[in-house]
């Protein structure tokens, strides 16, 4: 099942984010909002507000902003990330996404964030005013 852009609400989030590789999660407060972790056989990654980057960070990339798709997305929905990614890629705006059980979070570099939201709004997405 596919949803139209006009049915989706994009909510900009206020903090600046950092993507980092950490030694472990011992100094990370996993209960804090907007703390995303990933463990593979090669690394332990963390995405968190920049002000909360732990001291045991081995590598980091600062300067990301985020918006989320409001509401709960059913797992049967298709093409949501692809539609957003296509608009941004057509305008040479890179992104990375984090999916949770409920929804998707899309990260764009700070300097391109206003343009990304504007382009998505022009494409029919409902972009909320203001940040949370």
C-alpha atoms as a PDB file:
ATOM      1  CA  UNK A   1       0.000   0.000   0.000  1.00  0.00           C
ATOM      2  CA  UNK A   2       1.360   3.409  -0.954  1.00  0.00           C
ATOM      3  CA  UNK A   3       0.561   6.742   0.731  1.00  0.00           C
ATOM      4  CA  UNK A   4       0.490  10.050  -1.084  1.00  0.00           C
ATOM      5  CA  UNK A   5       2.896  12.811  -0.072  1.00  0.00           C
ATOM      6  CA  UNK A   6      -0.069  14.974   0.940  1.00  0.00           C
ATOM      7  CA  UNK A   7      -1.020  12.378   3.564  1.00  0.00           C
ATOM      8  CA  UNK A   8       2.364  12.569   5.295  1.00  0.00           C
ATOM      9  CA  UNK A   9       3.318  15.181   7.884  1.00  0.00           C
ATOM     10  CA  UNK A  10       7.016  15.982   8.299  1.00  0.00           C
ATOM     11  CA  UNK A  11       8.003  17.329  11.702  1.00  0.00           C
ATOM     12  CA  UNK A  12      11.345  19.155  11.973  1.00  0.00           C
ATOM     13  CA  UNK A  13      13.193  18.433  15.209  1.00  0.00           C
ATOM     14  CA  UNK A  14      15.174  21.134  16.944  1.00  0.00           C
ATOM     15  CA  UNK A  15      18.503  19.725  18.050  1.00  0.00           C
ATOM     16  CA  UNK A  16      21.570  19.402  15.877  1.00  0.00           C
ATOM     17  CA  UNK A  17      22.686  15.793  15.667  1.00  0.00           C
ATOM     18  CA  UNK A  18      25.988  13.955  15.508  1.00  0.00           C
ATOM     19  CA  UNK A  19      26.649  10.551  14.000  1.00  0.00           C
ATOM     20  CA  UNK A  20      29.474   8.778  15.767  1.00  0.00           C
ATOM     21  CA  UNK A  21      31.280   5.524  16.297  1.00  0.00           C
ATOM     22  CA  UNK A  22      31.764   4.681  19.969  1.00  0.00           C
ATOM     23  CA  UNK A  23      33.853   2.151  21.874  1.00  0.00           C
ATOM     24  CA  UNK A  24      30.792   1.066  23.846  1.00  0.00           C
ATOM     25  CA  UNK A  25      27.542   2.470  25.177  1.00  0.00           C
ATOM     26  CA  UNK A  26      28.613   2.623  28.836  1.00  0.00           C
ATOM     27  CA  UNK A  27      28.588   6.441  28.928  1.00  0.00           C
ATOM     28  CA  UNK A  28      25.475   6.839  26.763  1.00  0.00           C
ATOM     29  CA  UNK A  29      22.157   7.591  28.439  1.00  0.00           C
ATOM     30  CA  UNK A  30      19.968   5.337  26.308  1.00  0.00           C
ATOM     31  CA  UNK A  31      16.820   6.720  27.922  1.00  0.00           C
ATOM     32  CA  UNK A  32      17.362  10.194  26.442  1.00  0.00           C
ATOM     33  CA  UNK A  33      15.135  11.223  23.530  1.00  0.00           C
ATOM     34  CA  UNK A  34      16.557  10.847  20.036  1.00  0.00           C
ATOM     35  CA  UNK A  35      19.271   8.353  20.912  1.00  0.00           C
ATOM     36  CA  UNK A  36      19.691   5.857  18.062  1.00  0.00           C
ATOM     37  CA  UNK A  37      22.151   2.970  18.281  1.00  0.00           C
ATOM     38  CA  UNK A  38      23.394   0.363  15.867  1.00  0.00           C
ATOM     39  CA  UNK A  39      25.644  -2.616  16.473  1.00  0.00           C
ATOM     40  CA  UNK A  40      27.236  -4.664  13.696  1.00  0.00           C
ATOM     41  CA  UNK A  41      30.130  -7.072  13.557  1.00  0.00           C
ATOM     42  CA  UNK A  42      32.355  -4.083  12.667  1.00  0.00           C
ATOM     43  CA  UNK A  43      31.180  -1.161  14.784  1.00  0.00           C
ATOM     44  CA  UNK A  44      28.942   0.407  17.388  1.00  0.00           C
ATOM     45  CA  UNK A  45      27.259   3.540  16.100  1.00  0.00           C
ATOM     46  CA  UNK A  46      25.337   6.266  17.833  1.00  0.00           C
ATOM     47  CA  UNK A  47      23.188   9.105  16.539  1.00  0.00           C
ATOM     48  CA  UNK A  48      22.346  11.632  19.222  1.00  0.00           C
ATOM     49  CA  UNK A  49      21.958  15.355  19.857  1.00  0.00           C
ATOM     50  CA  UNK A  50      25.394  16.935  19.489  1.00  0.00           C
ATOM     51  CA  UNK A  51      25.357  18.171  23.072  1.00  0.00           C
ATOM     52  CA  UNK A  52      25.116  14.551  24.270  1.00  0.00           C
ATOM     53  CA  UNK A  53      28.038  12.992  22.368  1.00  0.00           C
ATOM     54  CA  UNK A  54      29.930  10.752  24.830  1.00  0.00           C
ATOM     55  CA  UNK A  55      33.630  11.072  25.601  1.00  0.00           C
ATOM     56  CA  UNK A  56      34.445   7.579  24.318  1.00  0.00           C
ATOM     57  CA  UNK A  57      33.628   8.583  20.737  1.00  0.00           C
ATOM     58  CA  UNK A  58      36.193   7.231  18.254  1.00  0.00           C
ATOM     59  CA  UNK A  59      34.939   9.121  15.168  1.00  0.00           C
ATOM     60  CA  UNK A  60      32.175  11.658  14.600  1.00  0.00           C
ATOM     61  CA  UNK A  61      30.330  13.661  11.977  1.00  0.00           C
ATOM     62  CA  UNK A  62      28.593  16.752  13.326  1.00  0.00           C
ATOM     63  CA  UNK A  63      26.146  19.069  11.634  1.00  0.00           C
ATOM     64  CA  UNK A  64      22.962  17.076  10.987  1.00  0.00           C
ATOM     65  CA  UNK A  65      19.332  18.161  11.368  1.00  0.00           C
ATOM     66  CA  UNK A  66      16.364  15.840  11.397  1.00  0.00           C
ATOM     67  CA  UNK A  67      12.693  15.600  10.614  1.00  0.00           C
ATOM     68  CA  UNK A  68      10.402  12.729  11.368  1.00  0.00           C
ATOM     69  CA  UNK A  69       7.339  11.454   9.650  1.00  0.00           C
ATOM     70  CA  UNK A  70       4.543  12.109  12.145  1.00  0.00           C
ATOM     71  CA  UNK A  71       2.385   9.266  13.310  1.00  0.00           C
ATOM     72  CA  UNK A  72       2.722   5.532  13.125  1.00  0.00           C
ATOM     73  CA  UNK A  73       3.626   4.030   9.753  1.00  0.00           C
ATOM     74  CA  UNK A  74       2.208   0.614   9.033  1.00  0.00           C
ATOM     75  CA  UNK A  75       4.814  -1.911   7.907  1.00  0.00           C
ATOM     76  CA  UNK A  76       2.776  -2.606   4.758  1.00  0.00           C
ATOM     77  CA  UNK A  77       3.369   0.933   3.458  1.00  0.00           C
ATOM     78  CA  UNK A  78       5.840   1.192   0.600  1.00  0.00           C
ATOM     79  CA  UNK A  79       7.842   3.916  -1.057  1.00  0.00           C
ATOM     80  CA  UNK A  80       7.785   6.508   1.720  1.00  0.00           C
ATOM     81  CA  UNK A  81      11.560   6.808   2.126  1.00  0.00           C
ATOM     82  CA  UNK A  82      12.096   6.305  -1.599  1.00  0.00           C
ATOM     83  CA  UNK A  83       9.840   9.267  -2.416  1.00  0.00           C
ATOM     84  CA  UNK A  84      11.631  11.576  -0.012  1.00  0.00           C
ATOM     85  CA  UNK A  85      15.059  10.322  -1.081  1.00  0.00           C
ATOM     86  CA  UNK A  86      14.269  10.854  -4.755  1.00  0.00           C
ATOM     87  CA  UNK A  87      13.288  14.500  -4.244  1.00  0.00           C
ATOM     88  CA  UNK A  88      16.388  15.212  -2.199  1.00  0.00           C
ATOM     89  CA  UNK A  89      18.715  13.288  -4.532  1.00  0.00           C
ATOM     90  CA  UNK A  90      17.348  15.150  -7.557  1.00  0.00           C
ATOM     91  CA  UNK A  91      18.501  18.323  -5.798  1.00  0.00           C
ATOM     92  CA  UNK A  92      21.858  16.893  -4.682  1.00  0.00           C
ATOM     93  CA  UNK A  93      20.911  16.778  -1.016  1.00  0.00           C
ATOM     94  CA  UNK A  94      22.299  13.767   0.818  1.00  0.00           C
ATOM     95  CA  UNK A  95      20.430  12.064   3.627  1.00  0.00           C
ATOM     96  CA  UNK A  96      20.495   9.163   5.954  1.00  0.00           C
ATOM     97  CA  UNK A  97      17.491   7.615   7.622  1.00  0.00           C
ATOM     98  CA  UNK A  98      16.834   5.818  10.869  1.00  0.00           C
ATOM     99  CA  UNK A  99      13.712   3.732  11.190  1.00  0.00           C
ATOM    100  CA  UNK A 100      12.037   2.898  14.462  1.00  0.00           C
ATOM    101  CA  UNK A 101       9.058   0.657  15.130  1.00  0.00           C
ATOM    102  CA  UNK A 102       6.656   3.581  14.656  1.00  0.00           C
ATOM    103  CA  UNK A 103       8.188   5.821  12.009  1.00  0.00           C
ATOM    104  CA  UNK A 104      11.186   7.113  10.071  1.00  0.00           C
ATOM    105  CA  UNK A 105      13.656   9.873  10.906  1.00  0.00           C
ATOM    106  CA  UNK A 106      15.442  11.591   8.023  1.00  0.00           C
ATOM    107  CA  UNK A 107      18.732  13.404   8.623  1.00  0.00           C
ATOM    108  CA  UNK A 108      20.124  16.103   6.327  1.00  0.00           C
ATOM    109  CA  UNK A 109      23.179  18.319   6.758  1.00  0.00           C
ATOM    110  CA  UNK A 110      22.370  21.559   8.628  1.00  0.00           C
ATOM    111  CA  UNK A 111      23.188  23.858   5.709  1.00  0.00           C
ATOM    112  CA  UNK A 112      20.803  21.975   3.395  1.00  0.00           C
ATOM    113  CA  UNK A 113      17.982  21.448   5.883  1.00  0.00           C
ATOM    114  CA  UNK A 114      15.882  24.539   5.007  1.00  0.00           C
ATOM    115  CA  UNK A 115      16.140  23.758   1.286  1.00  0.00           C
ATOM    116  CA  UNK A 116      15.212  20.108   1.886  1.00  0.00           C
ATOM    117  CA  UNK A 117      12.068  21.056   3.805  1.00  0.00           C
ATOM    118  CA  UNK A 118      11.137  23.647   1.183  1.00  0.00           C
ATOM    119  CA  UNK A 119      11.508  21.157  -1.664  1.00  0.00           C
ATOM    120  CA  UNK A 120       9.475  18.533   0.161  1.00  0.00           C
ATOM    121  CA  UNK A 121       6.764  21.098   0.875  1.00  0.00           C
ATOM    122  CA  UNK A 122       6.673  22.047  -2.813  1.00  0.00           C
ATOM    123  CA  UNK A 123       6.310  18.356  -3.644  1.00  0.00           C
ATOM    124  CA  UNK A 124       3.135  18.125  -1.552  1.00  0.00           C
ATOM    125  CA  UNK A 125       4.396  16.940   1.828  1.00  0.00           C
ATOM    126  CA  UNK A 126       2.880  18.666   4.853  1.00  0.00           C
ATOM    127  CA  UNK A 127       5.843  20.272   6.606  1.00  0.00           C
ATOM    128  CA  UNK A 128       5.090  21.476  10.114  1.00  0.00           C
ATOM    129  CA  UNK A 129       6.173  25.003  10.992  1.00  0.00           C
ATOM    130  CA  UNK A 130       8.559  25.365  13.877  1.00  0.00           C
ATOM    131  CA  UNK A 131      10.707  22.763  15.553  1.00  0.00           C
ATOM    132  CA  UNK A 132      10.142  20.507  18.443  1.00  0.00           C
END
